[in-house]
Amino acid sequence: MSRTLTLLQEARLRELDQAIFYRLLSGGAAYAGDAAAAERFNELLADEQHHVARLTARILELGGSPQGEGAAPGVAPPLDAWEAEARRREEAEVTWYEAALGEVEDPGTRSLLSGILESERHHRDALAGKWMPAGPTTAKESM
């Protein structure tokens, strides 16, 4: 498997883990009756699911096959202490994507990972979602 496909597979698994994390938080907030927190977590979840979909599409475009599922992070942290864990996780995402970009030469994959990195920086800094754009702005970016 090429290094690019290996990085895309790893990125996809990381994003699956993030999606599960925010899904657990959303469920906990909904169960606790905190509609505002549930909506906030759902917005973050939407971005993470979008990342998974775009990474999956890129893997398929490059002739790969998406592998495995993410490892569930266990239980969500308590609702009054979730932000520290989320910031730690998002910082780890930023660090990983910055390193991965140093290894990828393919322009389409660089564009994809750069967009996700920008979104992860936003998550880290604001812990807000529904920020990820729908996709590449031009057909050239998806190649």
N, C-alpha and C. Protein backbone atom coordinates (compact mmCIF):
# COMPACT_ATOMS: atom_id res chain seq x y z
N MET A 1 0.85 -1.17 0.00
CA MET A 1 0.00 0.00 0.00
C MET A 1 0.90 1.23 0.00
N SER A 2 0.53 2.25 -0.77
CA SER A 2 1.33 3.47 -0.83
C SER A 2 1.26 4.22 0.50
N ARG A 3 2.26 5.06 0.73
CA ARG A 3 2.27 5.85 1.96
C ARG A 3 1.05 6.77 2.02
N THR A 4 0.63 7.31 0.88
CA THR A 4 -0.54 8.17 0.86
C THR A 4 -1.78 7.41 1.32
N LEU A 5 -1.98 6.20 0.79
CA LEU A 5 -3.14 5.41 1.22
C LEU A 5 -3.05 5.03 2.69
N THR A 6 -1.85 4.74 3.16
CA THR A 6 -1.67 4.41 4.57
C THR A 6 -2.07 5.60 5.45
N LEU A 7 -1.63 6.80 5.07
CA LEU A 7 -2.00 8.01 5.83
C LEU A 7 -3.50 8.26 5.77
N LEU A 8 -4.11 8.06 4.60
CA LEU A 8 -5.55 8.26 4.49
C LEU A 8 -6.31 7.26 5.35
N GLN A 9 -5.86 6.01 5.38
CA GLN A 9 -6.50 4.99 6.22
C GLN A 9 -6.40 5.40 7.70
N GLU A 10 -5.21 5.84 8.11
CA GLU A 10 -5.03 6.25 9.50
C GLU A 10 -5.89 7.46 9.82
N ALA A 11 -5.93 8.43 8.91
CA ALA A 11 -6.76 9.61 9.13
C ALA A 11 -8.23 9.21 9.29
N ARG A 12 -8.69 8.30 8.44
CA ARG A 12 -10.09 7.85 8.50
C ARG A 12 -10.40 7.21 9.86
N LEU A 13 -9.50 6.36 10.35
CA LEU A 13 -9.73 5.73 11.65
C LEU A 13 -9.73 6.76 12.78
N ARG A 14 -8.84 7.76 12.68
CA ARG A 14 -8.80 8.82 13.69
C ARG A 14 -10.13 9.58 13.70
N GLU A 15 -10.64 9.88 12.51
CA GLU A 15 -11.90 10.63 12.41
C GLU A 15 -13.08 9.80 12.89
N LEU A 16 -13.05 8.50 12.65
CA LEU A 16 -14.10 7.64 13.19
C LEU A 16 -14.09 7.69 14.72
N ASP A 17 -12.91 7.67 15.31
CA ASP A 17 -12.81 7.76 16.76
C ASP A 17 -13.37 9.09 17.27
N GLN A 18 -13.05 10.18 16.57
CA GLN A 18 -13.57 11.49 16.96
C GLN A 18 -15.10 11.52 16.85
N ALA A 19 -15.63 10.94 15.78
CA ALA A 19 -17.08 10.91 15.61
C ALA A 19 -17.74 10.15 16.75
N ILE A 20 -17.17 9.02 17.13
CA ILE A 20 -17.73 8.24 18.23
C ILE A 20 -17.68 9.04 19.53
N PHE A 21 -16.57 9.75 19.76
CA PHE A 21 -16.42 10.59 20.96
C PHE A 21 -17.55 11.62 21.05
N TYR A 22 -17.77 12.36 19.96
CA TYR A 22 -18.81 13.39 20.00
C TYR A 22 -20.21 12.78 20.01
N ARG A 23 -20.39 11.62 19.42
CA ARG A 23 -21.68 10.94 19.47
C ARG A 23 -22.01 10.54 20.92
N LEU A 24 -21.02 10.04 21.64
CA LEU A 24 -21.23 9.69 23.04
C LEU A 24 -21.58 10.92 23.87
N LEU A 25 -20.87 12.01 23.65
CA LEU A 25 -21.17 13.25 24.37
C LEU A 25 -22.58 13.74 24.05
N SER A 26 -22.96 13.68 22.79
CA SER A 26 -24.28 14.12 22.38
C SER A 26 -25.37 13.31 23.08
N GLY A 27 -25.17 11.99 23.09
CA GLY A 27 -26.14 11.13 23.77
C GLY A 27 -26.24 11.44 25.25
N GLY A 28 -25.09 11.66 25.89
CA GLY A 28 -25.10 12.00 27.32
C GLY A 28 -25.81 13.30 27.59
N ALA A 29 -25.57 14.29 26.73
CA ALA A 29 -26.23 15.59 26.91
C ALA A 29 -27.74 15.47 26.68
N ALA A 30 -28.13 14.71 25.68
CA ALA A 30 -29.55 14.54 25.41
C ALA A 30 -30.22 13.82 26.58
N TYR A 31 -29.56 12.80 27.09
CA TYR A 31 -30.10 12.05 28.23
C TYR A 31 -30.23 12.95 29.46
N ALA A 32 -29.28 13.88 29.63
CA ALA A 32 -29.31 14.80 30.77
C ALA A 32 -30.29 15.95 30.56
N GLY A 33 -30.88 16.03 29.37
CA GLY A 33 -31.84 17.10 29.09
C GLY A 33 -31.19 18.42 28.72
N ASP A 34 -29.92 18.40 28.35
CA ASP A 34 -29.20 19.62 27.98
C ASP A 34 -29.21 19.76 26.46
N ALA A 35 -30.28 20.35 25.94
CA ALA A 35 -30.45 20.46 24.49
C ALA A 35 -29.35 21.31 23.85
N ALA A 36 -28.91 22.36 24.52
CA ALA A 36 -27.87 23.22 23.94
C ALA A 36 -26.56 22.46 23.79
N ALA A 37 -26.19 21.70 24.80
CA ALA A 37 -24.95 20.91 24.71
C ALA A 37 -25.09 19.82 23.66
N ALA A 38 -26.24 19.17 23.61
CA ALA A 38 -26.46 18.12 22.61
C ALA A 38 -26.31 18.69 21.21
N GLU A 39 -26.85 19.87 20.98
CA GLU A 39 -26.72 20.51 19.66
C GLU A 39 -25.27 20.85 19.36
N ARG A 40 -24.55 21.35 20.33
CA ARG A 40 -23.12 21.67 20.14
C ARG A 40 -22.34 20.43 19.76
N PHE A 41 -22.57 19.33 20.47
CA PHE A 41 -21.87 18.08 20.17
C PHE A 41 -22.28 17.53 18.80
N ASN A 42 -23.56 17.67 18.46
CA ASN A 42 -24.02 17.22 17.15
C ASN A 42 -23.36 18.00 16.02
N GLU A 43 -23.11 19.28 16.23
CA GLU A 43 -22.42 20.08 15.21
C GLU A 43 -20.98 19.60 15.03
N LEU A 44 -20.30 19.32 16.13
CA LEU A 44 -18.94 18.77 16.04
C LEU A 44 -18.97 17.39 15.39
N LEU A 45 -19.94 16.59 15.76
CA LEU A 45 -20.10 15.26 15.17
C LEU A 45 -20.30 15.36 13.66
N ALA A 46 -21.09 16.32 13.22
CA ALA A 46 -21.35 16.48 11.78
C ALA A 46 -20.05 16.71 11.02
N ASP A 47 -19.18 17.56 11.55
CA ASP A 47 -17.89 17.80 10.89
C ASP A 47 -17.06 16.53 10.85
N GLU A 48 -16.99 15.81 11.97
CA GLU A 48 -16.18 14.59 12.01
C GLU A 48 -16.71 13.54 11.02
N GLN A 49 -18.02 13.42 10.93
CA GLN A 49 -18.60 12.47 9.96
C GLN A 49 -18.30 12.90 8.53
N HIS A 50 -18.30 14.21 8.31
CA HIS A 50 -17.95 14.72 6.99
C HIS A 50 -16.50 14.39 6.65
N HIS A 51 -15.62 14.51 7.62
CA HIS A 51 -14.22 14.13 7.41
C HIS A 51 -14.12 12.66 7.01
N VAL A 52 -14.84 11.80 7.72
CA VAL A 52 -14.82 10.36 7.41
C VAL A 52 -15.28 10.13 5.97
N ALA A 53 -16.36 10.79 5.58
CA ALA A 53 -16.90 10.59 4.23
C ALA A 53 -15.90 11.06 3.17
N ARG A 54 -15.26 12.20 3.37
CA ARG A 54 -14.31 12.70 2.38
C ARG A 54 -13.07 11.81 2.32
N LEU A 55 -12.59 11.35 3.46
CA LEU A 55 -11.43 10.47 3.48
C LEU A 55 -11.76 9.14 2.81
N THR A 56 -12.94 8.61 3.08
CA THR A 56 -13.36 7.37 2.44
C THR A 56 -13.41 7.54 0.93
N ALA A 57 -13.98 8.64 0.48
CA ALA A 57 -14.06 8.90 -0.97
C ALA A 57 -12.67 8.99 -1.58
N ARG A 58 -11.73 9.64 -0.90
CA ARG A 58 -10.38 9.78 -1.45
C ARG A 58 -9.68 8.42 -1.52
N ILE A 59 -9.85 7.60 -0.50
CA ILE A 59 -9.27 6.26 -0.51
C ILE A 59 -9.79 5.49 -1.72
N LEU A 60 -11.08 5.56 -1.97
CA LEU A 60 -11.68 4.87 -3.11
C LEU A 60 -11.17 5.45 -4.43
N GLU A 61 -11.04 6.77 -4.52
CA GLU A 61 -10.53 7.41 -5.73
C GLU A 61 -9.12 6.92 -6.08
N LEU A 62 -8.33 6.65 -5.05
CA LEU A 62 -6.95 6.20 -5.26
C LEU A 62 -6.85 4.69 -5.40
N GLY A 63 -7.99 4.00 -5.48
CA GLY A 63 -7.99 2.57 -5.71
C GLY A 63 -7.88 1.74 -4.45
N GLY A 64 -7.98 2.36 -3.29
CA GLY A 64 -7.90 1.62 -2.04
C GLY A 64 -9.27 1.17 -1.57
N SER A 65 -9.29 0.49 -0.47
CA SER A 65 -10.52 0.01 0.14
C SER A 65 -10.49 0.43 1.61
N PRO A 66 -11.49 1.20 2.07
CA PRO A 66 -11.49 1.62 3.48
C PRO A 66 -11.39 0.41 4.40
N GLN A 67 -10.54 0.53 5.40
CA GLN A 67 -10.27 -0.60 6.28
C GLN A 67 -10.74 -0.33 7.69
N GLY A 68 -11.29 -1.36 8.30
CA GLY A 68 -11.58 -1.38 9.73
C GLY A 68 -12.49 -0.27 10.21
N GLU A 69 -12.67 -0.28 11.45
CA GLU A 69 -13.44 0.75 12.14
C GLU A 69 -12.58 1.31 13.25
N GLY A 70 -12.94 2.50 13.70
CA GLY A 70 -12.20 3.14 14.78
C GLY A 70 -12.41 2.40 16.09
N ALA A 71 -11.53 2.63 17.01
CA ALA A 71 -11.65 2.05 18.34
C ALA A 71 -12.49 2.99 19.19
N ALA A 72 -13.61 2.49 19.69
CA ALA A 72 -14.47 3.32 20.52
C ALA A 72 -13.68 3.86 21.71
N PRO A 73 -13.81 5.15 22.00
CA PRO A 73 -13.04 5.75 23.09
C PRO A 73 -13.57 5.40 24.46
N GLY A 74 -14.50 4.48 24.57
CA GLY A 74 -15.04 4.12 25.87
C GLY A 74 -16.22 4.99 26.21
N VAL A 75 -16.24 5.51 27.38
CA VAL A 75 -17.35 6.36 27.80
C VAL A 75 -16.95 7.82 27.66
N ALA A 76 -17.93 8.64 27.44
CA ALA A 76 -17.68 10.07 27.33
C ALA A 76 -17.34 10.64 28.71
N PRO A 77 -16.54 11.68 28.73
CA PRO A 77 -16.26 12.32 30.02
C PRO A 77 -17.53 12.99 30.56
N PRO A 78 -17.56 13.29 31.83
CA PRO A 78 -18.75 13.98 32.39
C PRO A 78 -18.99 15.29 31.63
N LEU A 79 -20.25 15.67 31.52
CA LEU A 79 -20.59 16.86 30.75
C LEU A 79 -19.95 18.13 31.32
N ASP A 80 -19.66 18.16 32.61
CA ASP A 80 -19.04 19.36 33.16
C ASP A 80 -17.52 19.36 33.00
N ALA A 81 -16.96 18.30 32.38
CA ALA A 81 -15.50 18.22 32.21
C ALA A 81 -15.09 17.80 30.80
N TRP A 82 -16.00 17.87 29.85
CA TRP A 82 -15.72 17.37 28.50
C TRP A 82 -14.74 18.24 27.73
N GLU A 83 -14.73 19.56 27.99
CA GLU A 83 -13.95 20.45 27.13
C GLU A 83 -12.45 20.19 27.20
N ALA A 84 -11.92 19.89 28.35
CA ALA A 84 -10.47 19.63 28.46
C ALA A 84 -10.10 18.41 27.62
N GLU A 85 -10.90 17.36 27.70
CA GLU A 85 -10.63 16.16 26.91
C GLU A 85 -10.79 16.43 25.42
N ALA A 86 -11.82 17.17 25.06
CA ALA A 86 -12.03 17.50 23.64
C ALA A 86 -10.89 18.34 23.11
N ARG A 87 -10.42 19.32 23.87
CA ARG A 87 -9.29 20.15 23.41
C ARG A 87 -8.02 19.31 23.27
N ARG A 88 -7.80 18.38 24.19
CA ARG A 88 -6.64 17.50 24.08
C ARG A 88 -6.73 16.66 22.82
N ARG A 89 -7.89 16.11 22.55
CA ARG A 89 -8.08 15.28 21.37
C ARG A 89 -7.93 16.09 20.09
N GLU A 90 -8.50 17.29 20.07
CA GLU A 90 -8.41 18.13 18.87
C GLU A 90 -6.98 18.61 18.65
N GLU A 91 -6.25 18.89 19.70
CA GLU A 91 -4.84 19.27 19.55
C GLU A 91 -4.05 18.11 18.95
N ALA A 92 -4.35 16.89 19.40
CA ALA A 92 -3.68 15.72 18.83
C ALA A 92 -4.02 15.58 17.34
N GLU A 93 -5.26 15.89 16.96
CA GLU A 93 -5.65 15.83 15.55
C GLU A 93 -4.85 16.86 14.74
N VAL A 94 -4.75 18.07 15.24
CA VAL A 94 -3.99 19.12 14.54
C VAL A 94 -2.55 18.68 14.35
N THR A 95 -1.93 18.19 15.40
CA THR A 95 -0.54 17.75 15.33
C THR A 95 -0.37 16.62 14.31
N TRP A 96 -1.30 15.67 14.31
CA TRP A 96 -1.20 14.55 13.38
C TRP A 96 -1.33 15.03 11.93
N TYR A 97 -2.32 15.86 11.65
CA TYR A 97 -2.52 16.33 10.27
C TYR A 97 -1.36 17.19 9.80
N GLU A 98 -0.80 18.00 10.68
CA GLU A 98 0.38 18.79 10.28
C GLU A 98 1.53 17.87 9.87
N ALA A 99 1.76 16.82 10.65
CA ALA A 99 2.83 15.87 10.32
C ALA A 99 2.50 15.11 9.03
N ALA A 100 1.27 14.68 8.87
CA ALA A 100 0.87 13.93 7.67
C ALA A 100 1.06 14.77 6.42
N LEU A 101 0.75 16.05 6.49
CA LEU A 101 0.91 16.91 5.31
C LEU A 101 2.37 16.98 4.87
N GLY A 102 3.29 16.81 5.80
CA GLY A 102 4.70 16.80 5.45
C GLY A 102 5.12 15.57 4.65
N GLU A 103 4.27 14.56 4.64
CA GLU A 103 4.59 13.31 3.95
C GLU A 103 3.85 13.11 2.64
N VAL A 104 2.86 13.95 2.36
CA VAL A 104 2.01 13.74 1.19
C VAL A 104 2.38 14.71 0.08
N GLU A 105 2.64 14.15 -1.10
CA GLU A 105 2.96 14.99 -2.26
C GLU A 105 1.80 15.11 -3.23
N ASP A 106 0.89 14.16 -3.22
CA ASP A 106 -0.25 14.15 -4.13
C ASP A 106 -1.13 15.38 -3.89
N PRO A 107 -1.33 16.24 -4.91
CA PRO A 107 -2.07 17.50 -4.73
C PRO A 107 -3.50 17.31 -4.23
N GLY A 108 -4.23 16.32 -4.75
CA GLY A 108 -5.60 16.10 -4.31
C GLY A 108 -5.67 15.71 -2.84
N THR A 109 -4.77 14.84 -2.44
CA THR A 109 -4.75 14.40 -1.04
C THR A 109 -4.28 15.54 -0.14
N ARG A 110 -3.29 16.31 -0.58
CA ARG A 110 -2.84 17.48 0.20
C ARG A 110 -3.99 18.45 0.41
N SER A 111 -4.78 18.68 -0.64
CA SER A 111 -5.92 19.59 -0.54
C SER A 111 -6.93 19.08 0.48
N LEU A 112 -7.23 17.79 0.41
CA LEU A 112 -8.17 17.18 1.34
C LEU A 112 -7.68 17.30 2.78
N LEU A 113 -6.43 16.88 3.01
CA LEU A 113 -5.89 16.91 4.38
C LEU A 113 -5.75 18.34 4.89
N SER A 114 -5.42 19.28 4.01
CA SER A 114 -5.32 20.69 4.42
C SER A 114 -6.67 21.22 4.87
N GLY A 115 -7.73 20.86 4.14
CA GLY A 115 -9.07 21.29 4.54
C GLY A 115 -9.49 20.72 5.87
N ILE A 116 -9.19 19.44 6.08
CA ILE A 116 -9.53 18.83 7.37
C ILE A 116 -8.69 19.45 8.48
N LEU A 117 -7.41 19.72 8.22
CA LEU A 117 -6.57 20.38 9.22
C LEU A 117 -7.16 21.73 9.62
N GLU A 118 -7.61 22.49 8.64
CA GLU A 118 -8.20 23.79 8.95
C GLU A 118 -9.42 23.63 9.86
N SER A 119 -10.25 22.62 9.56
CA SER A 119 -11.41 22.35 10.39
C SER A 119 -11.00 21.92 11.80
N GLU A 120 -9.98 21.05 11.89
CA GLU A 120 -9.53 20.59 13.21
C GLU A 120 -8.95 21.74 14.03
N ARG A 121 -8.28 22.67 13.38
CA ARG A 121 -7.79 23.86 14.10
C ARG A 121 -8.96 24.66 14.65
N HIS A 122 -10.00 24.79 13.84
CA HIS A 122 -11.20 25.49 14.30
C HIS A 122 -11.81 24.77 15.50
N HIS A 123 -11.93 23.44 15.40
CA HIS A 123 -12.47 22.68 16.53
C HIS A 123 -11.62 22.91 17.78
N ARG A 124 -10.31 22.80 17.63
CA ARG A 124 -9.42 22.98 18.77
C ARG A 124 -9.59 24.35 19.41
N ASP A 125 -9.69 25.38 18.57
CA ASP A 125 -9.73 26.74 19.08
C ASP A 125 -11.10 27.17 19.58
N ALA A 126 -12.16 26.68 18.94
CA ALA A 126 -13.50 27.15 19.28
C ALA A 126 -14.44 26.05 19.77
N LEU A 127 -14.06 24.79 19.57
CA LEU A 127 -14.93 23.66 19.87
C LEU A 127 -16.35 23.92 19.36
N ALA A 128 -16.39 24.30 18.10
CA ALA A 128 -17.66 24.51 17.42
C ALA A 128 -17.63 23.73 16.12
N GLY A 129 -18.78 23.33 15.67
CA GLY A 129 -18.85 22.53 14.46
C GLY A 129 -19.64 23.20 13.36
N LYS A 130 -20.05 22.38 12.39
CA LYS A 130 -20.73 22.84 11.18
C LYS A 130 -19.88 23.90 10.51
N TRP A 131 -18.60 23.66 10.51
CA TRP A 131 -17.66 24.60 9.94
C TRP A 131 -17.02 24.03 8.69
N MET A 132 -17.03 22.72 8.58
CA MET A 132 -16.38 22.04 7.45
C MET A 132 -17.15 22.32 6.17
N PRO A 133 -16.46 22.81 5.12
CA PRO A 133 -17.15 23.01 3.85
C PRO A 133 -17.60 21.68 3.25
N ALA A 134 -18.56 21.75 2.35
CA ALA A 134 -19.15 20.54 1.78
C ALA A 134 -18.16 19.71 0.99
N GLY A 135 -17.18 20.31 0.39
CA GLY A 135 -16.21 19.55 -0.42
C GLY A 135 -15.29 20.49 -1.15
N PRO A 136 -14.53 19.93 -2.05
CA PRO A 136 -13.61 20.77 -2.81
C PRO A 136 -14.38 21.82 -3.59
N THR A 137 -13.78 22.98 -3.76
CA THR A 137 -14.45 24.05 -4.48
C THR A 137 -14.32 23.88 -5.99
N THR A 138 -13.36 23.07 -6.43
CA THR A 138 -13.23 22.81 -7.85
C THR A 138 -13.00 21.33 -8.06
N ALA A 139 -13.29 20.87 -9.25
CA ALA A 139 -13.07 19.46 -9.58
C ALA A 139 -11.60 19.12 -9.47
N LYS A 140 -10.74 20.09 -9.79
CA LYS A 140 -9.29 19.87 -9.75
C LYS A 140 -8.83 19.49 -8.34
N GLU A 141 -9.45 20.08 -7.29
CA GLU A 141 -9.06 19.79 -5.93
C GLU A 141 -9.35 18.35 -5.52
N SER A 142 -10.32 17.72 -6.16
CA SER A 142 -10.68 16.36 -5.77
C SER A 142 -9.80 15.32 -6.45
N MET A 143 -8.95 15.72 -7.35
CA MET A 143 -8.09 14.76 -8.07
C MET A 143 -6.81 14.51 -7.33
